[in-house]
Amino acid sequence: MKDLNIMGQYEKRYTEMQASLKKKNYKVTPQRLAILKILAYNPNHPKIDEIYEILRETFPTTSPATVYKTVAVLKSLKEVLEIQYSSEGNRYDGVNPVSHPHIYCTECNKVFDIKGLDIEKIIANLTNRTGFTVDQVRMDVSGTCPACKCNEKIMNEGKI
């Protein structure tokens, strides 16, 4: 049942992204729809080149420029969140396009959402303490994910 709920959320995001493009009178081409689907259904925060490689499977003649332009449009419409990593390159979150915290694995380079952290409470605390009006929050944590730690442990024990 949980999987159906998640799939419904992805479909909802895909529909919202389409509506946003149509509302601003952007062309809704088959390639653009495919890019939307990749972003709306991918919780792994893909990079442009990853989006491009997936897109090429269905549209082999599409150029990387199509992906860059579409992502730029979606970013301007606030339909994707750009997550900037200087060493890794930018990632894009179409599933949850609002500021939220992430954790980055320095071993496998995957990016995960941090759930259950009350960002609103942190913002309220900062606002009260500093008098700042917070426009954007960016919180990134890095470390080694459980899967990579497990692989590291196995390698250290000489099992690989």
N, C-alpha and C. Protein backbone atom coordinates (compact mmCIF):
# COMPACT_ATOMS: atom_id res chain seq x y z
N MET A 1 0.83 -1.19 0.00
CA MET A 1 0.00 0.00 0.00
C MET A 1 0.87 1.26 0.00
N LYS A 2 1.99 1.20 0.75
CA LYS A 2 2.89 2.34 0.84
C LYS A 2 3.45 2.69 -0.54
N ASP A 3 3.82 1.68 -1.35
CA ASP A 3 4.36 1.92 -2.68
C ASP A 3 3.37 2.64 -3.57
N LEU A 4 2.08 2.31 -3.46
CA LEU A 4 1.06 2.98 -4.25
C LEU A 4 0.96 4.45 -3.86
N ASN A 5 1.08 4.74 -2.57
CA ASN A 5 1.04 6.11 -2.09
C ASN A 5 2.22 6.91 -2.64
N ILE A 6 3.41 6.32 -2.62
CA ILE A 6 4.60 6.98 -3.14
C ILE A 6 4.44 7.22 -4.64
N MET A 7 3.97 6.23 -5.37
CA MET A 7 3.76 6.39 -6.81
C MET A 7 2.76 7.50 -7.09
N GLY A 8 1.74 7.60 -6.25
CA GLY A 8 0.75 8.66 -6.39
C GLY A 8 1.36 10.03 -6.17
N GLN A 9 2.29 10.12 -5.22
CA GLN A 9 2.99 11.39 -4.96
C GLN A 9 3.84 11.78 -6.17
N TYR A 10 4.52 10.80 -6.76
CA TYR A 10 5.35 11.08 -7.94
C TYR A 10 4.48 11.53 -9.11
N GLU A 11 3.36 10.87 -9.30
CA GLU A 11 2.44 11.24 -10.39
C GLU A 11 1.90 12.65 -10.16
N LYS A 12 1.60 12.96 -8.90
CA LYS A 12 1.11 14.30 -8.55
C LYS A 12 2.17 15.35 -8.91
N ARG A 13 3.43 15.09 -8.57
CA ARG A 13 4.50 16.04 -8.89
C ARG A 13 4.62 16.21 -10.40
N TYR A 14 4.54 15.12 -11.14
CA TYR A 14 4.64 15.16 -12.59
C TYR A 14 3.52 16.03 -13.16
N THR A 15 2.31 15.85 -12.66
CA THR A 15 1.16 16.63 -13.10
C THR A 15 1.32 18.11 -12.74
N GLU A 16 1.82 18.38 -11.54
CA GLU A 16 2.04 19.77 -11.12
C GLU A 16 3.08 20.47 -12.01
N MET A 17 4.13 19.74 -12.34
CA MET A 17 5.18 20.31 -13.18
C MET A 17 4.63 20.63 -14.58
N GLN A 18 3.84 19.71 -15.13
CA GLN A 18 3.21 19.94 -16.44
C GLN A 18 2.31 21.18 -16.40
N ALA A 19 1.50 21.26 -15.36
CA ALA A 19 0.57 22.40 -15.23
C ALA A 19 1.33 23.71 -15.14
N SER A 20 2.44 23.70 -14.43
CA SER A 20 3.24 24.91 -14.29
C SER A 20 3.80 25.37 -15.63
N LEU A 21 4.27 24.43 -16.44
CA LEU A 21 4.77 24.76 -17.78
C LEU A 21 3.66 25.33 -18.65
N LYS A 22 2.52 24.66 -18.64
CA LYS A 22 1.39 25.09 -19.47
C LYS A 22 0.88 26.47 -19.05
N LYS A 23 0.83 26.70 -17.74
CA LYS A 23 0.36 27.98 -17.22
C LYS A 23 1.22 29.14 -17.71
N LYS A 24 2.51 28.90 -17.85
CA LYS A 24 3.43 29.95 -18.32
C LYS A 24 3.67 29.87 -19.83
N ASN A 25 2.84 29.09 -20.52
CA ASN A 25 2.87 28.96 -21.98
C ASN A 25 4.18 28.43 -22.55
N TYR A 26 4.85 27.52 -21.82
CA TYR A 26 6.02 26.85 -22.36
C TYR A 26 5.56 25.68 -23.21
N LYS A 27 6.32 25.38 -24.25
CA LYS A 27 6.01 24.23 -25.08
C LYS A 27 6.15 22.96 -24.25
N VAL A 28 5.22 22.05 -24.44
CA VAL A 28 5.25 20.78 -23.74
C VAL A 28 5.52 19.69 -24.77
N THR A 29 6.81 19.51 -25.08
CA THR A 29 7.24 18.54 -26.09
C THR A 29 7.38 17.17 -25.45
N PRO A 30 7.43 16.13 -26.25
CA PRO A 30 7.65 14.78 -25.68
C PRO A 30 8.96 14.69 -24.89
N GLN A 31 10.02 15.34 -25.37
CA GLN A 31 11.30 15.33 -24.66
C GLN A 31 11.18 16.04 -23.31
N ARG A 32 10.50 17.17 -23.32
CA ARG A 32 10.31 17.93 -22.09
C ARG A 32 9.48 17.12 -21.08
N LEU A 33 8.45 16.45 -21.56
CA LEU A 33 7.63 15.60 -20.68
C LEU A 33 8.47 14.46 -20.09
N ALA A 34 9.36 13.91 -20.89
CA ALA A 34 10.24 12.83 -20.40
C ALA A 34 11.17 13.35 -19.31
N ILE A 35 11.69 14.56 -19.48
CA ILE A 35 12.56 15.17 -18.47
C ILE A 35 11.76 15.40 -17.18
N LEU A 36 10.53 15.90 -17.33
CA LEU A 36 9.67 16.09 -16.16
C LEU A 36 9.48 14.78 -15.41
N LYS A 37 9.21 13.72 -16.15
CA LYS A 37 8.96 12.42 -15.54
C LYS A 37 10.21 11.92 -14.80
N ILE A 38 11.38 12.09 -15.42
CA ILE A 38 12.63 11.67 -14.78
C ILE A 38 12.80 12.40 -13.45
N LEU A 39 12.55 13.70 -13.44
CA LEU A 39 12.71 14.49 -12.22
C LEU A 39 11.61 14.21 -11.19
N ALA A 40 10.38 14.06 -11.65
CA ALA A 40 9.26 13.87 -10.73
C ALA A 40 9.27 12.50 -10.06
N TYR A 41 9.82 11.50 -10.75
CA TYR A 41 9.80 10.13 -10.23
C TYR A 41 11.14 9.70 -9.64
N ASN A 42 12.12 10.59 -9.58
CA ASN A 42 13.46 10.20 -9.16
C ASN A 42 13.84 10.86 -7.83
N PRO A 43 13.76 10.13 -6.73
CA PRO A 43 14.10 10.72 -5.43
C PRO A 43 15.62 10.79 -5.18
N ASN A 44 16.42 10.39 -6.17
CA ASN A 44 17.87 10.32 -5.99
C ASN A 44 18.62 11.58 -6.37
N HIS A 45 17.91 12.68 -6.63
CA HIS A 45 18.56 13.96 -6.92
C HIS A 45 19.57 13.83 -8.07
N PRO A 46 19.10 13.55 -9.28
CA PRO A 46 20.03 13.30 -10.39
C PRO A 46 20.77 14.56 -10.85
N LYS A 47 21.93 14.32 -11.47
CA LYS A 47 22.71 15.38 -12.10
C LYS A 47 22.21 15.52 -13.55
N ILE A 48 22.56 16.61 -14.19
CA ILE A 48 22.14 16.84 -15.58
C ILE A 48 22.56 15.69 -16.48
N ASP A 49 23.81 15.23 -16.35
CA ASP A 49 24.27 14.16 -17.23
C ASP A 49 23.52 12.85 -16.98
N GLU A 50 23.07 12.62 -15.75
CA GLU A 50 22.27 11.43 -15.46
C GLU A 50 20.88 11.54 -16.11
N ILE A 51 20.30 12.72 -16.05
CA ILE A 51 19.01 12.95 -16.69
C ILE A 51 19.16 12.73 -18.19
N TYR A 52 20.23 13.28 -18.75
CA TYR A 52 20.49 13.17 -20.18
C TYR A 52 20.65 11.70 -20.62
N GLU A 53 21.38 10.92 -19.83
CA GLU A 53 21.59 9.50 -20.18
C GLU A 53 20.28 8.73 -20.17
N ILE A 54 19.42 9.01 -19.20
CA ILE A 54 18.11 8.34 -19.15
C ILE A 54 17.26 8.78 -20.34
N LEU A 55 17.28 10.07 -20.65
CA LEU A 55 16.49 10.62 -21.75
C LEU A 55 16.91 10.03 -23.08
N ARG A 56 18.22 9.83 -23.27
CA ARG A 56 18.74 9.30 -24.54
C ARG A 56 18.23 7.91 -24.87
N GLU A 57 17.84 7.15 -23.84
CA GLU A 57 17.31 5.80 -24.08
C GLU A 57 16.04 5.87 -24.94
N THR A 58 15.23 6.89 -24.74
CA THR A 58 13.97 7.05 -25.48
C THR A 58 14.12 8.03 -26.64
N PHE A 59 14.95 9.05 -26.45
CA PHE A 59 15.15 10.10 -27.46
C PHE A 59 16.64 10.21 -27.78
N PRO A 60 17.16 9.29 -28.60
CA PRO A 60 18.62 9.24 -28.84
C PRO A 60 19.19 10.48 -29.54
N THR A 61 18.37 11.25 -30.23
CA THR A 61 18.91 12.41 -30.94
C THR A 61 18.82 13.70 -30.13
N THR A 62 18.30 13.61 -28.92
CA THR A 62 18.18 14.80 -28.07
C THR A 62 19.56 15.26 -27.62
N SER A 63 19.75 16.57 -27.57
CA SER A 63 21.04 17.12 -27.15
C SER A 63 21.02 17.43 -25.64
N PRO A 64 22.21 17.51 -25.04
CA PRO A 64 22.27 17.91 -23.62
C PRO A 64 21.66 19.30 -23.39
N ALA A 65 21.71 20.16 -24.41
CA ALA A 65 21.14 21.51 -24.28
C ALA A 65 19.65 21.46 -23.94
N THR A 66 18.95 20.48 -24.48
CA THR A 66 17.52 20.33 -24.19
C THR A 66 17.31 20.10 -22.69
N VAL A 67 18.16 19.28 -22.11
CA VAL A 67 18.06 19.01 -20.67
C VAL A 67 18.39 20.27 -19.88
N TYR A 68 19.50 20.92 -20.22
CA TYR A 68 19.90 22.14 -19.51
C TYR A 68 18.81 23.20 -19.57
N LYS A 69 18.26 23.42 -20.77
CA LYS A 69 17.23 24.45 -20.93
C LYS A 69 15.96 24.10 -20.15
N THR A 70 15.54 22.85 -20.21
CA THR A 70 14.33 22.43 -19.50
C THR A 70 14.51 22.55 -17.99
N VAL A 71 15.66 22.12 -17.49
CA VAL A 71 15.92 22.22 -16.06
C VAL A 71 15.97 23.69 -15.63
N ALA A 72 16.57 24.54 -16.46
CA ALA A 72 16.61 25.98 -16.15
C ALA A 72 15.20 26.57 -16.07
N VAL A 73 14.35 26.17 -17.00
CA VAL A 73 12.95 26.64 -16.97
C VAL A 73 12.26 26.15 -15.70
N LEU A 74 12.41 24.87 -15.38
CA LEU A 74 11.78 24.31 -14.19
C LEU A 74 12.31 24.98 -12.92
N LYS A 75 13.59 25.29 -12.92
CA LYS A 75 14.18 25.99 -11.77
C LYS A 75 13.57 27.38 -11.63
N SER A 76 13.42 28.09 -12.76
CA SER A 76 12.84 29.44 -12.72
C SER A 76 11.38 29.40 -12.24
N LEU A 77 10.69 28.30 -12.51
CA LEU A 77 9.30 28.13 -12.08
C LEU A 77 9.20 27.55 -10.66
N LYS A 78 10.36 27.32 -10.05
CA LYS A 78 10.44 26.72 -8.71
C LYS A 78 9.83 25.32 -8.67
N GLU A 79 9.98 24.60 -9.77
CA GLU A 79 9.49 23.22 -9.86
C GLU A 79 10.59 22.20 -9.61
N VAL A 80 11.84 22.65 -9.55
CA VAL A 80 12.95 21.79 -9.13
C VAL A 80 13.82 22.59 -8.17
N LEU A 81 14.44 21.89 -7.27
CA LEU A 81 15.38 22.49 -6.34
C LEU A 81 16.78 22.11 -6.81
N GLU A 82 17.63 23.11 -7.02
CA GLU A 82 19.02 22.86 -7.39
C GLU A 82 19.84 22.73 -6.12
N ILE A 83 20.57 21.64 -6.01
CA ILE A 83 21.43 21.40 -4.86
C ILE A 83 22.86 21.47 -5.37
N GLN A 84 23.60 22.44 -4.89
CA GLN A 84 24.94 22.71 -5.43
C GLN A 84 26.01 22.03 -4.59
N TYR A 85 26.83 21.26 -5.27
CA TYR A 85 28.01 20.64 -4.67
C TYR A 85 29.20 20.96 -5.56
N SER A 86 30.18 21.65 -5.03
CA SER A 86 31.30 22.09 -5.86
C SER A 86 32.10 20.92 -6.41
N SER A 87 32.31 19.89 -5.62
CA SER A 87 33.13 18.77 -6.08
C SER A 87 32.34 17.76 -6.92
N GLU A 88 31.06 17.72 -6.74
CA GLU A 88 30.23 16.68 -7.36
C GLU A 88 29.40 17.19 -8.53
N GLY A 89 29.17 18.48 -8.61
CA GLY A 89 28.27 19.02 -9.61
C GLY A 89 26.88 19.16 -9.02
N ASN A 90 26.06 19.94 -9.67
CA ASN A 90 24.72 20.21 -9.15
C ASN A 90 23.80 19.01 -9.31
N ARG A 91 22.91 18.87 -8.35
CA ARG A 91 21.88 17.85 -8.37
C ARG A 91 20.54 18.55 -8.41
N TYR A 92 19.50 17.83 -8.83
CA TYR A 92 18.18 18.43 -8.98
C TYR A 92 17.12 17.56 -8.31
N ASP A 93 16.30 18.21 -7.51
CA ASP A 93 15.23 17.52 -6.79
C ASP A 93 13.89 18.01 -7.34
N GLY A 94 13.25 17.16 -8.11
CA GLY A 94 11.93 17.48 -8.65
C GLY A 94 10.82 16.90 -7.79
N VAL A 95 11.16 16.00 -6.89
CA VAL A 95 10.18 15.37 -6.02
C VAL A 95 9.75 16.33 -4.91
N ASN A 96 10.72 17.04 -4.35
CA ASN A 96 10.46 17.96 -3.24
C ASN A 96 11.21 19.27 -3.53
N PRO A 97 10.63 20.16 -4.33
CA PRO A 97 11.37 21.33 -4.82
C PRO A 97 11.46 22.53 -3.88
N VAL A 98 11.26 22.31 -2.61
CA VAL A 98 11.41 23.40 -1.63
C VAL A 98 12.66 23.14 -0.80
N SER A 99 13.21 24.20 -0.22
CA SER A 99 14.42 24.04 0.60
C SER A 99 14.19 23.02 1.69
N HIS A 100 15.09 22.06 1.78
CA HIS A 100 15.05 21.06 2.84
C HIS A 100 16.45 20.48 2.99
N PRO A 101 16.75 19.87 4.14
CA PRO A 101 18.10 19.38 4.38
C PRO A 101 18.40 18.08 3.65
N HIS A 102 19.69 17.92 3.32
CA HIS A 102 20.16 16.73 2.62
C HIS A 102 21.39 16.15 3.33
N ILE A 103 21.61 14.86 3.11
CA ILE A 103 22.83 14.22 3.59
C ILE A 103 23.48 13.54 2.38
N TYR A 104 24.78 13.77 2.24
CA TYR A 104 25.54 13.37 1.07
C TYR A 104 26.57 12.32 1.47
N CYS A 105 26.58 11.19 0.76
CA CYS A 105 27.57 10.15 1.04
C CYS A 105 28.84 10.44 0.25
N THR A 106 29.94 10.61 0.95
CA THR A 106 31.20 10.93 0.30
C THR A 106 31.84 9.72 -0.37
N GLU A 107 31.28 8.55 -0.15
CA GLU A 107 31.80 7.33 -0.78
C GLU A 107 31.10 7.04 -2.12
N CYS A 108 29.77 6.96 -2.09
CA CYS A 108 29.02 6.61 -3.31
C CYS A 108 28.43 7.82 -4.02
N ASN A 109 28.56 9.01 -3.42
CA ASN A 109 28.09 10.28 -3.98
C ASN A 109 26.57 10.38 -4.10
N LYS A 110 25.84 9.57 -3.36
CA LYS A 110 24.38 9.68 -3.37
C LYS A 110 23.94 10.77 -2.41
N VAL A 111 22.79 11.38 -2.72
CA VAL A 111 22.23 12.43 -1.89
C VAL A 111 20.87 11.95 -1.40
N PHE A 112 20.64 12.10 -0.11
CA PHE A 112 19.39 11.65 0.51
C PHE A 112 18.73 12.83 1.22
N ASP A 113 17.41 12.84 1.25
CA ASP A 113 16.68 13.83 2.04
C ASP A 113 16.80 13.45 3.51
N ILE A 114 16.90 14.46 4.37
CA ILE A 114 16.86 14.23 5.81
C ILE A 114 15.42 14.48 6.23
N LYS A 115 14.79 13.45 6.73
CA LYS A 115 13.38 13.56 7.13
C LYS A 115 13.27 13.68 8.65
N GLY A 116 12.21 14.30 9.11
CA GLY A 116 11.94 14.39 10.53
C GLY A 116 12.66 15.51 11.26
N LEU A 117 13.35 16.37 10.53
CA LEU A 117 14.04 17.50 11.14
C LEU A 117 13.12 18.72 11.01
N ASP A 118 12.80 19.35 12.12
CA ASP A 118 11.86 20.46 12.11
C ASP A 118 12.56 21.76 11.71
N ILE A 119 12.68 21.98 10.41
CA ILE A 119 13.36 23.16 9.89
C ILE A 119 12.63 24.43 10.30
N GLU A 120 11.30 24.39 10.30
CA GLU A 120 10.52 25.58 10.68
C GLU A 120 10.88 26.04 12.09
N LYS A 121 11.09 25.10 12.97
CA LYS A 121 11.46 25.42 14.35
C LYS A 121 12.85 26.06 14.39
N ILE A 122 13.77 25.52 13.60
CA ILE A 122 15.13 26.07 13.52
C ILE A 122 15.08 27.50 12.97
N ILE A 123 14.29 27.71 11.91
CA ILE A 123 14.15 29.04 11.31
C ILE A 123 13.57 30.02 12.33
N ALA A 124 12.53 29.61 13.03
CA ALA A 124 11.91 30.47 14.03
C ALA A 124 12.91 30.85 15.11
N ASN A 125 13.70 29.89 15.54
CA ASN A 125 14.73 30.14 16.55
C ASN A 125 15.76 31.14 16.03
N LEU A 126 16.23 30.93 14.80
CA LEU A 126 17.20 31.86 14.21
C LEU A 126 16.63 33.26 14.06
N THR A 127 15.40 33.35 13.61
CA THR A 127 14.75 34.64 13.43
C THR A 127 14.63 35.38 14.76
N ASN A 128 14.20 34.66 15.78
CA ASN A 128 14.07 35.27 17.11
C ASN A 128 15.42 35.72 17.66
N ARG A 129 16.45 34.93 17.46
CA ARG A 129 17.76 35.24 18.03
C ARG A 129 18.51 36.33 17.26
N THR A 130 18.30 36.40 15.93
CA THR A 130 19.10 37.30 15.10
C THR A 130 18.34 38.48 14.52
N GLY A 131 17.02 38.37 14.43
CA GLY A 131 16.24 39.41 13.79
C GLY A 131 16.23 39.30 12.27
N PHE A 132 16.93 38.31 11.71
CA PHE A 132 16.95 38.10 10.27
C PHE A 132 15.60 37.62 9.76
N THR A 133 15.28 37.98 8.54
CA THR A 133 14.18 37.36 7.81
C THR A 133 14.83 36.31 6.93
N VAL A 134 14.46 35.07 7.12
CA VAL A 134 15.09 33.97 6.39
C VAL A 134 14.39 33.79 5.05
N ASP A 135 15.16 33.90 3.96
CA ASP A 135 14.64 33.73 2.60
C ASP A 135 14.82 32.31 2.10
N GLN A 136 15.93 31.71 2.50
CA GLN A 136 16.24 30.36 2.02
C GLN A 136 17.06 29.64 3.07
N VAL A 137 16.83 28.35 3.17
CA VAL A 137 17.60 27.52 4.08
C VAL A 137 18.32 26.47 3.26
N ARG A 138 19.58 26.30 3.56
CA ARG A 138 20.33 25.23 2.92
C ARG A 138 21.10 24.52 4.01
N MET A 139 20.81 23.25 4.18
CA MET A 139 21.51 22.45 5.17
C MET A 139 21.95 21.17 4.52
N ASP A 140 23.24 20.98 4.45
CA ASP A 140 23.81 19.77 3.88
C ASP A 140 24.75 19.14 4.89
N VAL A 141 24.63 17.86 5.04
CA VAL A 141 25.47 17.09 5.92
C VAL A 141 26.16 16.05 5.05
N SER A 142 27.41 15.76 5.33
CA SER A 142 28.09 14.72 4.55
C SER A 142 28.67 13.67 5.48
N GLY A 143 28.85 12.50 4.94
CA GLY A 143 29.39 11.38 5.70
C GLY A 143 29.35 10.13 4.86
N THR A 144 29.32 8.98 5.51
CA THR A 144 29.29 7.70 4.82
C THR A 144 27.96 7.01 5.11
N CYS A 145 27.25 6.64 4.04
CA CYS A 145 25.93 6.01 4.21
C CYS A 145 26.09 4.58 4.76
N PRO A 146 25.02 4.01 5.30
CA PRO A 146 25.10 2.67 5.87
C PRO A 146 25.57 1.61 4.87
N ALA A 147 25.14 1.71 3.63
CA ALA A 147 25.55 0.70 2.63
C ALA A 147 27.06 0.76 2.40
N CYS A 148 27.61 1.97 2.29
CA CYS A 148 29.05 2.11 2.07
C CYS A 148 29.83 1.71 3.31
N LYS A 149 29.29 2.00 4.51
CA LYS A 149 29.95 1.58 5.75
C LYS A 149 30.02 0.06 5.82
N CYS A 150 28.93 -0.58 5.40
CA CYS A 150 28.88 -2.03 5.40
C CYS A 150 29.93 -2.59 4.45
N ASN A 151 30.03 -2.01 3.24
CA ASN A 151 31.04 -2.45 2.27
C ASN A 151 32.44 -2.22 2.80
N GLU A 152 32.64 -1.09 3.48
CA GLU A 152 33.94 -0.76 4.06
C GLU A 152 34.31 -1.79 5.13
N LYS A 153 33.34 -2.15 5.96
CA LYS A 153 33.57 -3.11 7.03
C LYS A 153 33.95 -4.48 6.43
N ILE A 154 33.23 -4.89 5.41
CA ILE A 154 33.51 -6.17 4.76
C ILE A 154 34.91 -6.18 4.16
N MET A 155 35.28 -5.06 3.52
CA MET A 155 36.61 -4.95 2.92
C MET A 155 37.70 -4.98 4.00
N ASN A 156 37.47 -4.28 5.11
CA ASN A 156 38.44 -4.26 6.20
C ASN A 156 38.63 -5.61 6.86
N GLU A 157 37.55 -6.41 6.83
CA GLU A 157 37.64 -7.75 7.42
C GLU A 157 38.23 -8.75 6.43
N GLY A 158 38.58 -8.27 5.23
CA GLY A 158 39.21 -9.13 4.23
C GLY A 158 38.25 -10.07 3.55
N LYS A 159 36.95 -9.77 3.57
CA LYS A 159 35.97 -10.66 2.96
C LYS A 159 35.75 -10.35 1.49
N ILE A 160 36.37 -9.27 1.01
CA ILE A 160 36.26 -8.96 -0.43
C ILE A 160 37.63 -8.99 -1.03
